[in-house]
């Protein structure tokens, strides 16, 4: 897979974005929410969705997770009418400093176009 260093939108680090995803990524609504509800080591916490595709998600978290870790992630749109609980396998994690980490992960099962559209509103 080729890597492109073309920022498509502002990101949390203001650094060039290296794109390795097989699916198109979208910036969700600022009111879309995400919460880590379970993990292999029984920790919980809030998360911010940086971008999302049918096959994965990039999250801003206050703790680091190693590649291969499994997270149960609950995605919700701004009005709460759409909620999905998905298994996410951590693919990469990058420390931003001050207990901030960008964590990219792959969904156990793909989101539909309608699911993604619900998170963009």
Protein backbone atom coordinates (compact mmCIF):
# COMPACT_ATOMS: atom_id res chain seq x y z
CA UNK A 1 0.00 0.00 0.00
CA UNK A 2 1.45 3.39 -0.89
CA UNK A 3 1.86 6.13 1.70
CA UNK A 4 0.78 9.69 0.99
CA UNK A 5 1.76 12.66 3.09
CA UNK A 6 -1.10 14.92 2.05
CA UNK A 7 -3.17 16.43 4.87
CA UNK A 8 -6.83 16.30 3.84
CA UNK A 9 -8.01 18.26 6.88
CA UNK A 10 -6.55 19.74 10.05
CA UNK A 11 -5.58 17.07 12.55
CA UNK A 12 -4.81 16.93 16.25
CA UNK A 13 -1.05 17.20 15.74
CA UNK A 14 -1.01 19.70 12.85
CA UNK A 15 1.60 17.36 11.33
CA UNK A 16 1.43 15.84 7.84
CA UNK A 17 -0.89 12.86 7.73
CA UNK A 18 0.51 9.54 6.52
CA UNK A 19 -2.38 7.67 4.93
CA UNK A 20 -2.19 3.87 5.03
CA UNK A 21 -5.90 3.11 5.19
CA UNK A 22 -7.64 1.02 2.57
CA UNK A 23 -10.95 2.88 3.08
CA UNK A 24 -11.80 6.56 2.70
CA UNK A 25 -11.65 8.45 6.02
CA UNK A 26 -14.21 11.05 7.09
CA UNK A 27 -14.16 13.73 9.79
CA UNK A 28 -17.23 13.13 11.99
CA UNK A 29 -19.53 15.79 13.37
CA UNK A 30 -17.91 17.67 16.26
CA UNK A 31 -20.80 16.41 18.41
CA UNK A 32 -20.27 12.72 17.60
CA UNK A 33 -18.98 10.91 20.67
CA UNK A 34 -16.92 7.86 21.42
CA UNK A 35 -16.25 5.99 24.63
CA UNK A 36 -14.02 3.05 25.43
CA UNK A 37 -16.39 0.73 27.26
CA UNK A 38 -14.21 -2.34 27.73
CA UNK A 39 -10.77 -3.61 26.93
CA UNK A 40 -8.70 -6.66 27.47
CA UNK A 41 -7.27 -5.13 30.65
CA UNK A 42 -10.57 -3.74 32.02
CA UNK A 43 -9.90 0.01 31.73
CA UNK A 44 -12.50 2.54 30.63
CA UNK A 45 -12.44 6.12 29.44
CA UNK A 46 -13.55 8.81 27.01
CA UNK A 47 -12.20 9.23 23.49
CA UNK A 48 -12.42 11.77 20.68
CA UNK A 49 -12.98 10.54 17.14
CA UNK A 50 -10.36 12.09 14.84
CA UNK A 51 -11.52 10.30 11.71
CA UNK A 52 -13.50 7.24 10.74
CA UNK A 53 -13.94 4.92 7.79
CA UNK A 54 -15.96 1.80 7.09
CA UNK A 55 -13.07 -0.35 8.32
CA UNK A 56 -11.48 1.63 11.14
CA UNK A 57 -11.18 4.67 13.36
CA UNK A 58 -8.54 7.08 14.63
CA UNK A 59 -9.05 8.17 18.24
CA UNK A 60 -7.52 10.73 20.58
CA UNK A 61 -7.15 9.04 23.98
CA UNK A 62 -5.64 9.88 27.36
CA UNK A 63 -3.91 6.52 27.60
CA UNK A 64 -1.78 4.41 25.29
CA UNK A 65 -2.74 1.03 23.89
CA UNK A 66 -0.28 -1.28 22.21
CA UNK A 67 -0.84 -2.60 18.68
CA UNK A 68 -2.89 -5.77 18.86
CA UNK A 69 -4.91 -4.68 21.92
CA UNK A 70 -8.66 -5.21 21.61
CA UNK A 71 -11.04 -2.40 22.57
CA UNK A 72 -14.82 -2.37 22.72
CA UNK A 73 -15.70 1.10 21.40
CA UNK A 74 -19.14 2.66 21.59
CA UNK A 75 -19.78 5.20 18.82
CA UNK A 76 -22.71 7.66 19.10
CA UNK A 77 -23.90 10.53 16.95
CA UNK A 78 -24.75 14.00 18.27
CA UNK A 79 -28.46 13.34 18.96
CA UNK A 80 -27.89 9.86 20.43
CA UNK A 81 -30.14 8.15 17.88
CA UNK A 82 -27.23 6.20 16.44
CA UNK A 83 -25.12 4.08 18.76
CA UNK A 84 -22.89 1.15 17.83
CA UNK A 85 -20.67 -0.99 20.03
CA UNK A 86 -17.75 -2.29 17.95
CA UNK A 87 -14.67 -4.37 18.56
CA UNK A 88 -11.54 -2.44 17.52
CA UNK A 89 -8.07 -3.96 17.16
CA UNK A 90 -5.34 -1.36 17.76
CA UNK A 91 -3.09 -1.04 14.71
CA UNK A 92 -0.90 1.89 15.78
CA UNK A 93 -0.46 4.31 18.67
CA UNK A 94 1.44 7.61 18.74
CA UNK A 95 2.15 9.71 21.83
CA UNK A 96 1.41 13.42 21.42
CA UNK A 97 2.58 14.39 24.92
CA UNK A 98 0.68 15.45 28.06
CA UNK A 99 -1.16 12.09 28.26
CA UNK A 100 -2.54 12.37 24.73
CA UNK A 101 -2.28 9.51 22.25
CA UNK A 102 -3.53 9.04 18.70
CA UNK A 103 -4.66 5.43 18.42
CA UNK A 104 -5.69 3.92 15.09
CA UNK A 105 -7.65 0.73 14.96
CA UNK A 106 -9.47 -1.66 12.67
CA UNK A 107 -13.12 -2.61 13.24
CA UNK A 108 -13.99 -6.28 13.75
CA UNK A 109 -16.87 -5.74 11.29
CA UNK A 110 -17.23 -2.91 8.78
CA UNK A 111 -19.60 0.01 9.20
CA UNK A 112 -22.21 0.56 6.51
CA UNK A 113 -22.46 3.78 4.52
CA UNK A 114 -25.57 4.67 6.53
CA UNK A 115 -23.67 4.13 9.80
CA UNK A 116 -20.89 6.46 8.68
CA UNK A 117 -23.40 9.05 7.46
CA UNK A 118 -25.06 9.02 10.91
CA UNK A 119 -21.74 9.95 12.53
CA UNK A 120 -21.10 12.79 10.08
CA UNK A 121 -24.28 14.66 11.01
